[in-house]
Amino acid sequence: MADFLLVHGSCHGAWCWRDVIPVLEASGHKARAITLPGHGDGRDPAGVTLAETADAIAAASTPGTVIIGHSWGGFPISAAAEAHPGGLRGLIYLCAYLPVSDMSLIDMRKAGPRQTLEGATRKNEAGTAYSLIPETTPDLFYHDCPSESVRFAMGNLCQQPILPQDTPIRLGHRFDAIPKAYVRCTADRVIPPEYQAQMAARLPAERRLDMKTSHSPFFADPKGLAEMAGHLAKEF
């Protein structure tokens, strides 16, 4: 059995894991989710940093934890593993950015083969955060999810602080030493599946799995995601 910490992506929060946690727990695992700093807490997004975000993840981890990072969550879970390895059991990247040292998430997004979010986000007046545009979000993020889940998500989305995503990450031997796995979502309309395959290719073949879902497998197939997470945890 494993102890899972679930980390959300851009503009989301701990709420997005509501359907996955009960399935993990029913299988005998421990599971908890956190909401990252600056996501719906009323803070000025200009003051939210990548280092603070990584520290929040580290503080929620214990020795033996398996951290699952969704989408942009791949960046702060990597930063947390480098700064505070603390006996982590492993990292699972769920249709996520698997960072390259000295690049920011924005750098990596621009390096992708296709730019899927053009016209799908809107910055605040200060230029310190962005939000997802409601008209395009369901088709991009939730096209294969139950309608109730889509309504739930649209009612909970929040601003995304930009600074953490515009900060180059520094990774070294502590990050390299932690086992990692990747779950690619082959129907993803946010992070191109071919780009996910490119990032995942850095990992051992037995730790690279596919799900036939959108960018939101936690709503599209929570049971399948929980089963896959449990399988991958055994690989660490």
C-alpha atoms as a PDB file:
ATOM      1  CA  MET A   1       0.000   0.000   0.000  1.00  0.00           C
ATOM      2  CA  ALA A   2       1.114   3.579  -0.591  1.00  0.00           C
ATOM      3  CA  ASP A   3       0.764   7.015   0.963  1.00  0.00           C
ATOM      4  CA  PHE A   4      -0.252   9.448  -1.812  1.00  0.00           C
ATOM      5  CA  LEU A   5      -0.072  13.238  -1.857  1.00  0.00           C
ATOM      6  CA  LEU A   6      -2.071  14.700  -4.759  1.00  0.00           C
ATOM      7  CA  VAL A   7      -1.013  18.026  -6.294  1.00  0.00           C
ATOM      8  CA  HIS A   8      -3.258  19.885  -8.735  1.00  0.00           C
ATOM      9  CA  GLY A   9      -2.509  21.834 -11.894  1.00  0.00           C
ATOM     10  CA  SER A  10      -3.085  25.405 -13.019  1.00  0.00           C
ATOM     11  CA  CYS A  11      -6.221  27.193 -11.773  1.00  0.00           C
ATOM     12  CA  HIS A  12      -7.354  24.083  -9.857  1.00  0.00           C
ATOM     13  CA  GLY A  13      -7.191  23.056  -6.197  1.00  0.00           C
ATOM     14  CA  ALA A  14      -7.419  20.068  -3.897  1.00  0.00           C
ATOM     15  CA  TRP A  15     -11.082  19.819  -4.899  1.00  0.00           C
ATOM     16  CA  CYS A  16     -10.223  18.270  -8.277  1.00  0.00           C
ATOM     17  CA  TRP A  17      -9.187  15.004  -6.591  1.00  0.00           C
ATOM     18  CA  ARG A  18     -12.562  14.461  -4.882  1.00  0.00           C
ATOM     19  CA  ASP A  19     -13.365  11.318  -6.942  1.00  0.00           C
ATOM     20  CA  VAL A  20      -9.891   9.769  -6.776  1.00  0.00           C
ATOM     21  CA  ILE A  21      -9.239   9.874  -3.028  1.00  0.00           C
ATOM     22  CA  PRO A  22     -12.153   7.569  -2.068  1.00  0.00           C
ATOM     23  CA  VAL A  23     -11.062   4.995  -4.667  1.00  0.00           C
ATOM     24  CA  LEU A  24      -7.476   5.030  -3.413  1.00  0.00           C
ATOM     25  CA  GLU A  25      -8.652   4.690   0.181  1.00  0.00           C
ATOM     26  CA  ALA A  26     -11.003   1.842  -0.714  1.00  0.00           C
ATOM     27  CA  SER A  27      -7.970   0.009  -2.090  1.00  0.00           C
ATOM     28  CA  GLY A  28      -6.134   0.401   1.218  1.00  0.00           C
ATOM     29  CA  HIS A  29      -3.956   3.353   0.311  1.00  0.00           C
ATOM     30  CA  LYS A  30      -3.649   6.625   2.188  1.00  0.00           C
ATOM     31  CA  ALA A  31      -4.448   9.701   0.114  1.00  0.00           C
ATOM     32  CA  ARG A  32      -4.664  13.430   0.665  1.00  0.00           C
ATOM     33  CA  ALA A  33      -4.647  16.519  -1.535  1.00  0.00           C
ATOM     34  CA  ILE A  34      -3.450  20.056  -0.976  1.00  0.00           C
ATOM     35  CA  THR A  35      -4.305  23.409  -2.496  1.00  0.00           C
ATOM     36  CA  LEU A  36      -1.180  25.283  -3.517  1.00  0.00           C
ATOM     37  CA  PRO A  37      -0.479  28.857  -2.306  1.00  0.00           C
ATOM     38  CA  GLY A  38      -2.274  31.566  -4.250  1.00  0.00           C
ATOM     39  CA  HIS A  39      -5.027  29.294  -5.544  1.00  0.00           C
ATOM     40  CA  GLY A  40      -8.333  30.667  -4.313  1.00  0.00           C
ATOM     41  CA  ASP A  41      -6.976  31.898  -0.961  1.00  0.00           C
ATOM     42  CA  GLY A  42      -7.297  35.610  -1.735  1.00  0.00           C
ATOM     43  CA  ARG A  43      -3.563  36.247  -1.727  1.00  0.00           C
ATOM     44  CA  ASP A  44      -1.882  38.743  -4.032  1.00  0.00           C
ATOM     45  CA  PRO A  45      -0.534  36.421  -6.750  1.00  0.00           C
ATOM     46  CA  ALA A  46       2.504  38.683  -7.203  1.00  0.00           C
ATOM     47  CA  GLY A  47       3.895  37.382  -3.900  1.00  0.00           C
ATOM     48  CA  VAL A  48       3.547  33.663  -4.628  1.00  0.00           C
ATOM     49  CA  THR A  49       6.843  31.991  -5.569  1.00  0.00           C
ATOM     50  CA  LEU A  50       7.924  28.608  -6.877  1.00  0.00           C
ATOM     51  CA  ALA A  51      10.044  28.090  -3.751  1.00  0.00           C
ATOM     52  CA  GLU A  52       7.070  28.735  -1.462  1.00  0.00           C
ATOM     53  CA  THR A  53       4.945  26.374  -3.512  1.00  0.00           C
ATOM     54  CA  ALA A  54       7.598  23.658  -3.255  1.00  0.00           C
ATOM     55  CA  ASP A  55       7.867  24.229   0.493  1.00  0.00           C
ATOM     56  CA  ALA A  56       4.102  23.736   0.890  1.00  0.00           C
ATOM     57  CA  ILE A  57       4.319  20.388  -0.898  1.00  0.00           C
ATOM     58  CA  ALA A  58       7.301  19.313   1.194  1.00  0.00           C
ATOM     59  CA  ALA A  59       5.478  20.267   4.396  1.00  0.00           C
ATOM     60  CA  ALA A  60       2.558  18.029   3.404  1.00  0.00           C
ATOM     61  CA  SER A  61       4.845  15.086   2.631  1.00  0.00           C
ATOM     62  CA  THR A  62       6.228  12.442   4.970  1.00  0.00           C
ATOM     63  CA  PRO A  63       8.928   9.812   4.482  1.00  0.00           C
ATOM     64  CA  GLY A  64       7.578   7.220   2.075  1.00  0.00           C
ATOM     65  CA  THR A  65       5.114   9.540   0.320  1.00  0.00           C
ATOM     66  CA  VAL A  66       4.350   9.112  -3.373  1.00  0.00           C
ATOM     67  CA  ILE A  67       3.525  12.501  -4.875  1.00  0.00           C
ATOM     68  CA  ILE A  68       1.279  12.758  -7.931  1.00  0.00           C
ATOM     69  CA  GLY A  69       1.589  16.045  -9.808  1.00  0.00           C
ATOM     70  CA  HIS A  70      -0.960  16.993 -12.468  1.00  0.00           C
ATOM     71  CA  SER A  71      -0.093  19.345 -15.349  1.00  0.00           C
ATOM     72  CA  TRP A  72       1.887  22.316 -14.005  1.00  0.00           C
ATOM     73  CA  GLY A  73       2.034  20.440 -10.701  1.00  0.00           C
ATOM     74  CA  GLY A  74       4.957  18.546 -12.188  1.00  0.00           C
ATOM     75  CA  PHE A  75       7.112  21.622 -11.619  1.00  0.00           C
ATOM     76  CA  PRO A  76       6.581  22.258  -7.896  1.00  0.00           C
ATOM     77  CA  ILE A  77       6.690  18.544  -7.016  1.00  0.00           C
ATOM     78  CA  SER A  78      10.084  18.430  -8.721  1.00  0.00           C
ATOM     79  CA  ALA A  79      11.263  21.537  -6.892  1.00  0.00           C
ATOM     80  CA  ALA A  80      10.061  20.017  -3.615  1.00  0.00           C
ATOM     81  CA  ALA A  81      11.943  16.785  -4.332  1.00  0.00           C
ATOM     82  CA  GLU A  82      15.158  18.707  -4.980  1.00  0.00           C
ATOM     83  CA  ALA A  83      14.883  21.024  -1.973  1.00  0.00           C
ATOM     84  CA  HIS A  84      13.388  18.585   0.543  1.00  0.00           C
ATOM     85  CA  PRO A  85      13.835  14.960  -0.656  1.00  0.00           C
ATOM     86  CA  GLY A  86      13.009  13.716   2.879  1.00  0.00           C
ATOM     87  CA  GLY A  87      12.701  10.040   1.998  1.00  0.00           C
ATOM     88  CA  LEU A  88      10.090  10.475  -0.738  1.00  0.00           C
ATOM     89  CA  ARG A  89       9.134   7.125  -2.253  1.00  0.00           C
ATOM     90  CA  GLY A  90       8.561   8.477  -5.746  1.00  0.00           C
ATOM     91  CA  LEU A  91       7.000  11.030  -8.089  1.00  0.00           C
ATOM     92  CA  ILE A  92       4.205  10.367 -10.590  1.00  0.00           C
ATOM     93  CA  TYR A  93       3.731  12.913 -13.388  1.00  0.00           C
ATOM     94  CA  LEU A  94       0.106  12.907 -14.535  1.00  0.00           C
ATOM     95  CA  CYS A  95      -0.112  14.495 -18.004  1.00  0.00           C
ATOM     96  CA  ALA A  96       2.367  16.893 -16.432  1.00  0.00           C
ATOM     97  CA  TYR A  97       5.451  18.894 -17.265  1.00  0.00           C
ATOM     98  CA  LEU A  98       8.529  16.862 -16.381  1.00  0.00           C
ATOM     99  CA  PRO A  99      10.962  19.757 -15.850  1.00  0.00           C
ATOM    100  CA  VAL A 100      14.297  20.402 -17.481  1.00  0.00           C
ATOM    101  CA  SER A 101      16.760  22.169 -15.217  1.00  0.00           C
ATOM    102  CA  ASP A 102      17.214  25.906 -15.881  1.00  0.00           C
ATOM    103  CA  MET A 103      13.911  26.146 -17.777  1.00  0.00           C
ATOM    104  CA  SER A 104      10.668  27.634 -16.481  1.00  0.00           C
ATOM    105  CA  LEU A 105       7.291  26.101 -17.113  1.00  0.00           C
ATOM    106  CA  ILE A 106       6.554  28.919 -19.543  1.00  0.00           C
ATOM    107  CA  ASP A 107       9.793  28.087 -21.374  1.00  0.00           C
ATOM    108  CA  MET A 108       8.765  24.438 -21.627  1.00  0.00           C
ATOM    109  CA  ARG A 109       5.249  25.263 -22.758  1.00  0.00           C
ATOM    110  CA  LYS A 110       6.643  27.468 -25.550  1.00  0.00           C
ATOM    111  CA  ALA A 111       8.998  24.646 -26.549  1.00  0.00           C
ATOM    112  CA  GLY A 112       6.066  22.305 -27.116  1.00  0.00           C
ATOM    113  CA  PRO A 113       5.039  21.198 -30.605  1.00  0.00           C
ATOM    114  CA  ARG A 114       1.665  22.980 -30.440  1.00  0.00           C
ATOM    115  CA  GLN A 115       0.357  25.952 -28.465  1.00  0.00           C
ATOM    116  CA  THR A 116      -3.041  24.807 -27.266  1.00  0.00           C
ATOM    117  CA  LEU A 117      -3.905  27.606 -24.823  1.00  0.00           C
ATOM    118  CA  GLU A 118      -3.745  30.595 -27.160  1.00  0.00           C
ATOM    119  CA  GLY A 119      -6.933  32.582 -26.594  1.00  0.00           C
ATOM    120  CA  ALA A 120      -7.964  30.273 -23.736  1.00  0.00           C
ATOM    121  CA  THR A 121      -6.616  32.358 -20.833  1.00  0.00           C
ATOM    122  CA  ARG A 122      -6.981  35.915 -19.596  1.00  0.00           C
ATOM    123  CA  LYS A 123      -4.472  37.850 -17.425  1.00  0.00           C
ATOM    124  CA  ASN A 124      -5.520  40.089 -14.556  1.00  0.00           C
ATOM    125  CA  GLU A 125      -4.945  43.833 -14.830  1.00  0.00           C
ATOM    126  CA  ALA A 126      -1.608  43.638 -13.012  1.00  0.00           C
ATOM    127  CA  GLY A 127      -0.369  40.837 -15.253  1.00  0.00           C
ATOM    128  CA  THR A 128       0.464  38.709 -12.211  1.00  0.00           C
ATOM    129  CA  ALA A 129      -2.095  35.934 -12.702  1.00  0.00           C
ATOM    130  CA  TYR A 130      -4.277  34.394 -15.352  1.00  0.00           C
ATOM    131  CA  SER A 131      -7.662  32.698 -15.443  1.00  0.00           C
ATOM    132  CA  LEU A 132      -9.185  30.189 -17.826  1.00  0.00           C
ATOM    133  CA  ILE A 133     -11.803  31.600 -20.187  1.00  0.00           C
ATOM    134  CA  PRO A 134     -15.123  29.825 -19.476  1.00  0.00           C
ATOM    135  CA  GLU A 135     -16.164  29.557 -23.129  1.00  0.00           C
ATOM    136  CA  THR A 136     -13.197  27.382 -24.109  1.00  0.00           C
ATOM    137  CA  THR A 137     -12.352  25.572 -20.867  1.00  0.00           C
ATOM    138  CA  PRO A 138     -14.847  22.659 -20.969  1.00  0.00           C
ATOM    139  CA  ASP A 139     -13.775  21.549 -24.438  1.00  0.00           C
ATOM    140  CA  LEU A 140     -10.071  21.889 -23.629  1.00  0.00           C
ATOM    141  CA  PHE A 141      -9.974  20.367 -20.160  1.00  0.00           C
ATOM    142  CA  TYR A 142     -13.096  18.261 -19.627  1.00  0.00           C
ATOM    143  CA  HIS A 143     -14.412  17.068 -23.006  1.00  0.00           C
ATOM    144  CA  ASP A 144     -14.823  13.448 -21.832  1.00  0.00           C
ATOM    145  CA  CYS A 145     -15.891  14.134 -18.238  1.00  0.00           C
ATOM    146  CA  PRO A 146     -19.383  13.732 -16.736  1.00  0.00           C
ATOM    147  CA  SER A 147     -21.481  16.893 -17.028  1.00  0.00           C
ATOM    148  CA  GLU A 148     -21.821  17.157 -13.235  1.00  0.00           C
ATOM    149  CA  SER A 149     -18.032  17.073 -12.886  1.00  0.00           C
ATOM    150  CA  VAL A 150     -17.674  19.809 -15.498  1.00  0.00           C
ATOM    151  CA  ARG A 151     -20.143  22.024 -13.621  1.00  0.00           C
ATOM    152  CA  PHE A 152     -18.326  21.314 -10.373  1.00  0.00           C
ATOM    153  CA  ALA A 153     -14.961  22.213 -11.890  1.00  0.00           C
ATOM    154  CA  MET A 154     -16.181  25.380 -13.598  1.00  0.00           C
ATOM    155  CA  GLY A 155     -17.578  26.571 -10.272  1.00  0.00           C
ATOM    156  CA  ASN A 156     -14.274  26.098  -8.483  1.00  0.00           C
ATOM    157  CA  LEU A 157     -11.597  27.266 -10.922  1.00  0.00           C
ATOM    158  CA  CYS A 158      -9.405  30.115  -9.684  1.00  0.00           C
ATOM    159  CA  GLN A 159      -6.605  32.440 -10.733  1.00  0.00           C
ATOM    160  CA  GLN A 160      -3.165  30.990 -11.445  1.00  0.00           C
ATOM    161  CA  PRO A 161      -0.158  32.993 -10.156  1.00  0.00           C
ATOM    162  CA  ILE A 162       2.277  33.560 -13.020  1.00  0.00           C
ATOM    163  CA  LEU A 163       5.559  34.033 -11.147  1.00  0.00           C
ATOM    164  CA  PRO A 164       5.959  30.371 -10.120  1.00  0.00           C
ATOM    165  CA  GLN A 165       5.471  29.348 -13.748  1.00  0.00           C
ATOM    166  CA  ASP A 166       7.909  31.981 -15.014  1.00  0.00           C
ATOM    167  CA  THR A 167      10.722  30.950 -12.638  1.00  0.00           C
ATOM    168  CA  PRO A 168      13.458  28.635 -13.980  1.00  0.00           C
ATOM    169  CA  ILE A 169      13.789  25.485 -11.915  1.00  0.00           C
ATOM    170  CA  ARG A 170      17.128  24.227 -10.616  1.00  0.00           C
ATOM    171  CA  LEU A 171      17.430  20.458 -10.350  1.00  0.00           C
ATOM    172  CA  GLY A 172      20.340  18.280  -9.283  1.00  0.00           C
ATOM    173  CA  HIS A 173      21.351  14.952  -7.810  1.00  0.00           C
ATOM    174  CA  ARG A 174      18.657  14.877  -5.111  1.00  0.00           C
ATOM    175  CA  PHE A 175      15.907  15.132  -7.717  1.00  0.00           C
ATOM    176  CA  ASP A 176      17.682  12.658  -9.984  1.00  0.00           C
ATOM    177  CA  ALA A 177      17.858  10.063  -7.191  1.00  0.00           C
ATOM    178  CA  ILE A 178      14.083   9.878  -6.658  1.00  0.00           C
ATOM    179  CA  PRO A 179      12.161   7.259  -8.716  1.00  0.00           C
ATOM    180  CA  LYS A 180       9.720   8.729 -11.208  1.00  0.00           C
ATOM    181  CA  ALA A 181       6.855   7.563 -13.404  1.00  0.00           C
ATOM    182  CA  TYR A 182       4.721   9.197 -16.084  1.00  0.00           C
ATOM    183  CA  VAL A 183       1.045   8.796 -17.023  1.00  0.00           C
ATOM    184  CA  ARG A 184       0.324  10.191 -20.466  1.00  0.00           C
ATOM    185  CA  CYS A 185      -3.231  11.120 -21.431  1.00  0.00           C
ATOM    186  CA  THR A 186      -3.652  10.309 -25.096  1.00  0.00           C
ATOM    187  CA  ALA A 187      -6.784  12.456 -25.665  1.00  0.00           C
ATOM    188  CA  ASP A 188      -5.252  15.503 -23.939  1.00  0.00           C
ATOM    189  CA  ARG A 189      -6.056  18.841 -25.600  1.00  0.00           C
ATOM    190  CA  VAL A 190      -3.941  20.949 -23.206  1.00  0.00           C
ATOM    191  CA  ILE A 191      -0.499  19.342 -23.166  1.00  0.00           C
ATOM    192  CA  PRO A 192      -0.019  17.616 -26.539  1.00  0.00           C
ATOM    193  CA  PRO A 193       0.240  13.833 -26.085  1.00  0.00           C
ATOM    194  CA  GLU A 194       3.299  13.721 -28.326  1.00  0.00           C
ATOM    195  CA  TYR A 195       5.004  16.247 -26.055  1.00  0.00           C
ATOM    196  CA  GLN A 196       4.086  14.159 -23.038  1.00  0.00           C
ATOM    197  CA  ALA A 197       5.674  11.144 -24.741  1.00  0.00           C
ATOM    198  CA  GLN A 198       8.819  13.177 -25.388  1.00  0.00           C
ATOM    199  CA  MET A 199       9.106  14.180 -21.734  1.00  0.00           C
ATOM    200  CA  ALA A 200       8.253  10.698 -20.463  1.00  0.00           C
ATOM    201  CA  ALA A 201      10.921   9.104 -22.683  1.00  0.00           C
ATOM    202  CA  ARG A 202      13.496  10.117 -20.057  1.00  0.00           C
ATOM    203  CA  LEU A 203      12.029   7.500 -17.691  1.00  0.00           C
ATOM    204  CA  PRO A 204      12.204   3.690 -17.707  1.00  0.00           C
ATOM    205  CA  ALA A 205       9.685   2.049 -20.047  1.00  0.00           C
ATOM    206  CA  GLU A 206       7.977   0.131 -17.224  1.00  0.00           C
ATOM    207  CA  ARG A 207       7.166   3.439 -15.539  1.00  0.00           C
ATOM    208  CA  ARG A 208       5.486   5.009 -18.571  1.00  0.00           C
ATOM    209  CA  LEU A 209       1.755   4.324 -18.910  1.00  0.00           C
ATOM    210  CA  ASP A 210      -1.087   5.728 -21.010  1.00  0.00           C
ATOM    211  CA  MET A 211      -4.662   6.661 -20.174  1.00  0.00           C
ATOM    212  CA  LYS A 212      -7.188   7.251 -22.969  1.00  0.00           C
ATOM    213  CA  THR A 213      -8.567  10.409 -21.388  1.00  0.00           C
ATOM    214  CA  SER A 214      -8.577  14.168 -21.580  1.00  0.00           C
ATOM    215  CA  HIS A 215      -6.359  16.426 -19.480  1.00  0.00           C
ATOM    216  CA  SER A 216      -8.631  15.671 -16.506  1.00  0.00           C
ATOM    217  CA  PRO A 217      -8.401  11.932 -15.791  1.00  0.00           C
ATOM    218  CA  PHE A 218      -9.379  12.567 -12.154  1.00  0.00           C
ATOM    219  CA  PHE A 219     -12.902  13.246 -13.449  1.00  0.00           C
ATOM    220  CA  ALA A 220     -12.904  11.212 -16.663  1.00  0.00           C
ATOM    221  CA  ASP A 221     -11.698   7.936 -15.120  1.00  0.00           C
ATOM    222  CA  PRO A 222     -10.985   8.211 -11.372  1.00  0.00           C
ATOM    223  CA  LYS A 223     -11.079   4.447 -10.874  1.00  0.00           C
ATOM    224  CA  GLY A 224      -8.618   3.812 -13.677  1.00  0.00           C
ATOM    225  CA  LEU A 225      -6.342   6.568 -12.404  1.00  0.00           C
ATOM    226  CA  ALA A 226      -6.345   5.183  -8.867  1.00  0.00           C
ATOM    227  CA  GLU A 227      -5.547   1.696 -10.139  1.00  0.00           C
ATOM    228  CA  MET A 228      -2.698   3.030 -12.272  1.00  0.00           C
ATOM    229  CA  ALA A 229      -1.286   5.026  -9.361  1.00  0.00           C
ATOM    230  CA  GLY A 230      -1.322   1.949  -7.160  1.00  0.00           C
ATOM    231  CA  HIS A 231       0.443  -0.072  -9.854  1.00  0.00           C
ATOM    232  CA  LEU A 232       3.144   2.536 -10.367  1.00  0.00           C
ATOM    233  CA  ALA A 233       3.749   2.914  -6.634  1.00  0.00           C
ATOM    234  CA  LYS A 234       4.807  -0.748  -6.609  1.00  0.00           C
ATOM    235  CA  GLU A 235       7.527   0.143  -9.120  1.00  0.00           C
ATOM    236  CA  PHE A 236       9.253   2.495  -6.665  1.00  0.00           C
END
